[in-house]
Protein backbone atom coordinates (compact mmCIF):
# COMPACT_ATOMS: atom_id res chain seq x y z
CA MET A 1 2.65 69.12 -65.46
CA ILE A 2 0.16 70.97 -63.27
CA ILE A 3 0.78 74.69 -62.93
CA ALA A 4 0.03 76.06 -59.46
CA VAL A 5 -3.24 77.63 -58.47
CA ILE A 6 -2.99 81.27 -59.48
CA ILE A 7 -6.07 82.81 -57.80
CA ALA A 8 -8.25 81.78 -54.87
CA ALA A 9 -11.44 83.57 -53.88
CA ALA A 10 -13.51 82.66 -50.83
CA VAL A 11 -17.14 83.43 -51.61
CA LEU A 12 -18.34 84.17 -48.09
CA GLY A 13 -21.83 85.15 -49.14
CA GLY A 14 -22.36 82.16 -51.40
CA SER A 15 -22.12 78.43 -51.07
CA ILE A 16 -18.74 77.71 -52.67
CA SER A 17 -15.15 78.79 -52.45
CA ALA A 18 -13.85 79.11 -55.98
CA LEU A 19 -10.38 78.08 -57.08
CA PHE A 20 -9.11 79.25 -60.42
CA ILE A 21 -6.61 76.63 -61.48
CA SER A 22 -4.45 76.32 -64.54
CA GLY A 23 -3.70 72.68 -65.17
CA GLY A 24 -1.98 70.23 -67.47
CA PRO A 25 -2.02 66.50 -68.11
CA SER A 26 -2.29 64.23 -65.09
CA THR A 27 0.46 61.78 -64.23
CA GLU A 28 -2.04 59.25 -62.82
CA LYS A 29 -2.35 56.01 -64.73
CA THR A 30 -5.68 55.27 -66.37
CA THR A 31 -7.52 52.63 -64.34
CA HIS A 32 -10.65 50.80 -65.48
CA ILE A 33 -11.77 47.94 -63.23
CA ASN A 34 -15.47 47.30 -63.61
CA ARG A 35 -16.17 44.40 -61.27
CA GLU A 36 -18.90 44.80 -58.66
CA SER A 37 -17.94 46.42 -55.38
CA LYS A 38 -19.46 45.95 -51.93
CA TYR A 39 -18.85 49.61 -51.19
CA VAL A 40 -19.95 53.06 -52.32
CA CYS A 41 -16.82 55.09 -53.05
CA VAL A 42 -16.82 58.87 -53.65
CA VAL A 43 -14.29 61.73 -53.77
CA TYR A 44 -14.58 64.91 -51.68
CA PHE A 45 -12.64 68.18 -51.98
CA THR A 46 -12.28 70.70 -49.16
CA TYR A 47 -9.74 73.04 -47.64
CA ILE A 48 -9.06 74.30 -44.13
CA GLY A 49 -10.21 77.89 -43.92
CA CYS A 50 -13.10 77.54 -46.38
CA PRO A 51 -16.24 78.75 -44.54
CA ASN A 52 -18.59 76.70 -46.69
CA CYS A 53 -16.50 73.56 -46.16
CA ALA A 54 -16.72 74.22 -42.41
CA VAL A 55 -20.43 73.41 -42.78
CA THR A 56 -20.07 70.34 -45.02
CA ASP A 57 -16.93 68.67 -43.59
CA PRO A 58 -18.57 67.28 -40.41
CA ILE A 59 -21.59 66.11 -42.41
CA VAL A 60 -19.59 64.26 -45.05
CA LEU A 61 -16.58 63.12 -43.03
CA SER A 62 -18.24 62.38 -39.69
CA LYS A 63 -22.02 61.93 -39.91
CA TRP A 64 -22.11 59.99 -43.18
CA ILE A 65 -19.29 57.57 -42.40
CA LYS A 66 -20.75 56.79 -38.99
CA GLU A 67 -24.19 56.05 -40.43
CA ASP A 68 -23.24 54.04 -43.54
CA PRO A 69 -20.45 51.41 -43.17
CA ARG A 70 -20.54 50.82 -46.94
CA LEU A 71 -19.43 54.37 -47.69
CA VAL A 72 -15.79 55.11 -48.57
CA ILE A 73 -14.75 58.74 -49.02
CA ILE A 74 -11.44 59.71 -50.62
CA GLU A 75 -10.78 63.23 -49.36
CA TYR A 76 -8.37 65.76 -50.81
CA GLY A 77 -7.82 68.72 -48.53
CA TRP A 78 -5.26 71.45 -47.94
CA ARG A 79 -4.89 74.73 -46.07
CA LYS A 80 -6.20 77.99 -47.45
CA GLY A 81 -3.46 79.79 -49.34
CA ASP A 82 -1.24 76.70 -49.77
CA TRP A 83 -1.80 76.48 -53.51
CA SER A 84 1.40 74.49 -54.06
CA HIS A 85 0.00 71.63 -51.95
CA PRO A 86 -0.26 68.37 -53.93
CA ASN A 87 -3.98 68.10 -53.17
CA ALA A 88 -4.70 71.54 -54.65
CA LYS A 89 -3.11 70.30 -57.86
CA VAL A 90 -5.19 67.12 -57.74
CA ALA A 91 -8.30 69.32 -57.55
CA GLY A 92 -7.25 70.92 -60.82
CA GLU A 93 -6.74 67.52 -62.44
CA TYR A 94 -10.22 66.38 -61.43
CA ALA A 95 -11.76 69.64 -62.67
CA GLU A 96 -10.23 69.08 -66.10
CA SER A 97 -11.05 65.40 -66.28
CA TYR A 98 -14.63 65.72 -64.98
CA HIS A 99 -15.38 69.10 -66.60
CA SER A 100 -16.38 70.44 -63.21
CA GLN A 101 -15.65 73.70 -61.45
CA ALA A 102 -12.37 73.90 -59.55
CA ALA A 103 -14.17 74.80 -56.33
CA VAL A 104 -14.89 73.51 -52.86
CA PRO A 105 -16.73 71.92 -51.19
CA GLN A 106 -17.24 69.41 -53.98
CA LEU A 107 -18.42 65.79 -53.99
CA ILE A 108 -17.83 63.55 -56.99
CA VAL A 109 -19.69 60.27 -57.40
CA SER A 110 -19.19 59.97 -61.17
CA LYS A 111 -18.76 62.22 -64.20
CA SER A 112 -22.51 62.70 -64.36
CA ARG A 113 -23.07 63.07 -60.60
CA ILE A 114 -21.24 66.00 -58.99
CA TRP A 115 -22.45 68.14 -56.07
CA LEU A 116 -20.94 71.54 -55.41
CA GLY A 117 -21.41 74.00 -52.56
CA ARG A 118 -22.56 74.29 -48.96
CA GLU A 119 -26.18 73.46 -49.75
CA ASP A 120 -25.80 70.97 -52.62
CA VAL A 121 -23.19 68.67 -51.06
CA PRO A 122 -25.39 67.65 -48.07
CA SER A 123 -28.31 67.13 -50.47
CA ALA A 124 -26.40 64.23 -52.09
CA GLU A 125 -27.04 62.02 -49.06
CA PRO A 126 -30.30 60.36 -50.24
CA TYR A 127 -28.78 59.56 -53.64
CA ILE A 128 -25.68 58.02 -52.07
CA LYS A 129 -27.69 55.98 -49.56
CA ASN A 130 -29.72 54.47 -52.41
CA LEU A 131 -26.66 53.29 -54.33
CA LYS A 132 -25.94 49.58 -54.11
CA SER A 133 -22.28 50.21 -54.97
CA ASN A 134 -20.05 52.76 -56.66
CA LEU A 135 -16.58 52.51 -58.14
CA CYS A 136 -14.04 55.03 -56.88
CA PRO A 137 -14.00 57.94 -59.37
CA LEU A 138 -10.33 58.50 -60.23
CA VAL A 139 -8.67 61.26 -62.25
CA LYS A 140 -8.41 58.71 -65.04
CA GLY A 141 -10.89 55.86 -64.90
CA SER A 142 -12.47 54.16 -61.91
CA ALA A 143 -12.00 51.11 -59.70
CA PRO A 144 -13.66 49.32 -56.78
CA ILE A 145 -12.01 50.16 -53.47
CA GLU A 146 -11.23 46.44 -53.07
CA ASP A 147 -8.86 46.56 -56.08
CA LEU A 148 -7.57 50.12 -55.75
CA ASN A 149 -3.86 50.53 -55.09
CA ILE A 150 -4.13 53.50 -52.74
CA LYS A 151 -0.35 53.93 -52.82
CA GLU A 152 -0.73 55.09 -56.43
CA LEU A 153 -3.37 57.73 -55.70
CA PRO A 154 -2.13 61.24 -56.54
CA GLY A 155 -1.50 63.80 -53.84
CA LEU A 156 -1.88 63.09 -50.13
CA PRO A 157 -5.40 61.71 -49.70
CA LYS A 158 -7.32 60.73 -46.62
CA ILE A 159 -9.61 57.70 -46.91
CA TRP A 160 -12.61 57.66 -44.57
CA SER A 161 -14.88 54.71 -43.87
CA ASN A 162 -16.62 52.92 -41.01
CA ASN A 163 -15.79 55.74 -38.56
CA ARG A 164 -12.08 55.29 -39.31
CA VAL A 165 -9.55 57.17 -41.41
CA LEU A 166 -6.35 56.45 -43.34
CA VAL A 167 -4.13 59.52 -43.72
CA SER A 168 -1.39 59.49 -46.35
CA LEU A 169 1.92 60.98 -45.22
CA GLY A 170 3.54 60.30 -48.59
CA ASN A 171 6.19 57.79 -49.66
CA GLY A 172 4.13 54.78 -48.60
CA SER A 173 3.59 55.95 -45.01
CA TRP A 174 0.08 56.14 -43.53
CA ILE A 175 -1.65 56.80 -40.25
CA ILE A 176 -4.75 54.77 -39.38
CA GLY A 177 -7.08 56.36 -36.83
CA TRP A 178 -9.95 54.56 -35.09
CA ASN A 179 -11.94 54.34 -31.88
CA GLY A 180 -12.23 51.19 -29.78
CA THR A 181 -9.55 48.83 -28.52
CA PRO A 182 -6.09 50.49 -28.65
CA ALA A 183 -3.07 48.85 -30.25
CA LYS A 184 -0.18 48.06 -27.92
CA ALA A 185 3.42 48.83 -28.82
CA GLY A 186 4.40 45.40 -27.53
CA ASP A 187 2.15 43.70 -30.10
CA ALA A 188 4.04 45.21 -33.06
CA GLY A 189 6.29 42.94 -35.10
CA GLU A 190 8.54 43.19 -38.12
CA LYS A 191 6.15 42.18 -40.90
CA LYS A 192 5.45 45.01 -43.37
CA MET A 193 1.86 45.59 -44.46
CA THR A 194 0.71 45.43 -48.07
CA VAL A 195 -1.81 47.87 -49.56
CA LYS A 196 -4.53 45.23 -49.31
CA GLU A 197 -3.79 44.60 -45.64
CA LEU A 198 -3.75 48.33 -44.87
CA LYS A 199 -7.10 48.94 -46.58
CA SER A 200 -8.61 46.03 -44.66
CA LEU A 201 -8.09 47.99 -41.42
CA LEU A 202 -10.97 50.23 -42.46
CA PHE A 203 -13.35 47.27 -42.42
CA VAL A 204 -12.14 44.65 -39.92
CA ASP A 205 -14.03 44.09 -36.67
CA ASP A 206 -11.04 44.89 -34.45
CA VAL A 207 -8.15 47.04 -35.71
CA ALA A 208 -5.86 46.27 -32.76
CA THR A 209 -6.16 42.52 -33.32
CA ALA A 210 -5.57 42.87 -37.06
CA LEU A 211 -2.38 44.88 -36.42
CA LYS A 212 -0.70 42.27 -34.21
CA GLY A 213 2.62 41.09 -35.64
CA TYR A 214 2.89 43.93 -38.17
CA ASP A 215 5.42 46.74 -38.11
CA TYR A 216 3.71 49.87 -36.73
CA THR A 217 4.36 52.80 -34.40
CA VAL A 218 1.77 53.85 -31.83
CA VAL A 219 0.86 57.52 -32.27
CA GLY A 220 -1.88 57.82 -29.64
CA SER A 221 -5.02 59.90 -30.05
CA ILE A 222 -5.30 62.29 -33.00
CA MET A 223 -7.65 64.97 -34.28
CA VAL A 224 -8.01 65.16 -38.04
CA PRO A 225 -8.83 68.85 -38.62
CA PHE A 226 -11.86 70.08 -40.54
CA SER A 227 -12.13 73.44 -42.24
CA GLY A 228 -13.84 74.80 -39.14
CA SER A 229 -10.57 74.53 -37.17
CA ALA A 230 -9.38 77.71 -38.90
CA PHE A 231 -12.18 79.84 -37.44
CA PRO A 232 -12.78 81.24 -33.93
CA LYS A 233 -14.41 78.73 -31.57
CA GLU A 234 -17.33 81.08 -30.97
CA MET A 235 -18.44 80.55 -34.58
CA GLY A 236 -19.49 77.05 -33.51
CA PHE A 237 -17.90 75.04 -36.33
CA VAL A 238 -16.84 71.45 -35.67
CA ARG A 239 -13.06 71.56 -35.47
CA GLY A 240 -12.26 68.01 -36.53
CA ALA A 241 -12.74 64.28 -36.07
CA VAL A 242 -11.14 62.83 -32.96
CA PHE A 243 -9.81 59.27 -32.94
CA LYS A 244 -8.72 57.81 -29.61
CA ASN A 245 -6.24 55.47 -31.29
CA ALA A 246 -3.77 55.89 -34.14
CA VAL A 247 -0.69 54.12 -35.45
CA ARG A 248 1.75 54.84 -38.26
CA VAL A 249 2.31 52.13 -40.85
CA ASP A 250 5.05 52.08 -43.50
CA LEU A 251 3.97 49.89 -46.39
CA ALA A 252 6.06 47.10 -47.84
CA ASP A 253 8.25 48.36 -50.65
CA LEU A 254 7.11 45.77 -53.16
CA PRO A 255 5.58 46.12 -56.66
CA GLY A 256 1.80 46.38 -56.34
CA SER A 257 1.97 46.24 -52.54
């Protein structure tokens, strides 16, 4: 069982915000799937209210995913001070498993490739662009995004790719945000999506067409907040990623779905 974060210190003059976390064994299953992937999958930690993350969030979660359609970013974020949040606990699990600092902003590509801090995280871009593929680095093991059961990921992750985002609401419910053709409420049906079908929405040519006939609820436009949203506007931080279209999807309640 993970014990809650006991101290948090924002290092305003430095490049990281340090989290001092006391952890225990992870409940995530060990996953080792070594087949080739078409995508480069990484994990990113941030929290809203971290001044250093306010610099890196728009680079990692906006610039990179717009420029490289192969890139998939599993993000774990929470609000400053909310140390009981599931994603804060996931950060502690990764720190133990990867022998890294429990600090943000942090980018994990593998156990031997970890970037930490306001200056180092953006410097990872050339390395990532040169990768042909990369398995998703999990708390225990790794897997290609094509085979990953995102419903079994710990915490409440967001998954960014191709200028789109999947936001976990917990209990098999997700929001997909995208720009382009909007989905119409009248095109929704009764068929429940599987994990594979939900993930495919990150990569299909037209999300609205792919959604037709499935059970979904139109949400409208959304802004997914970045760390900079916690600071005064005059500081000039990017406040979040805006998606003109979003729907909520409740996954099929089937084993492995």
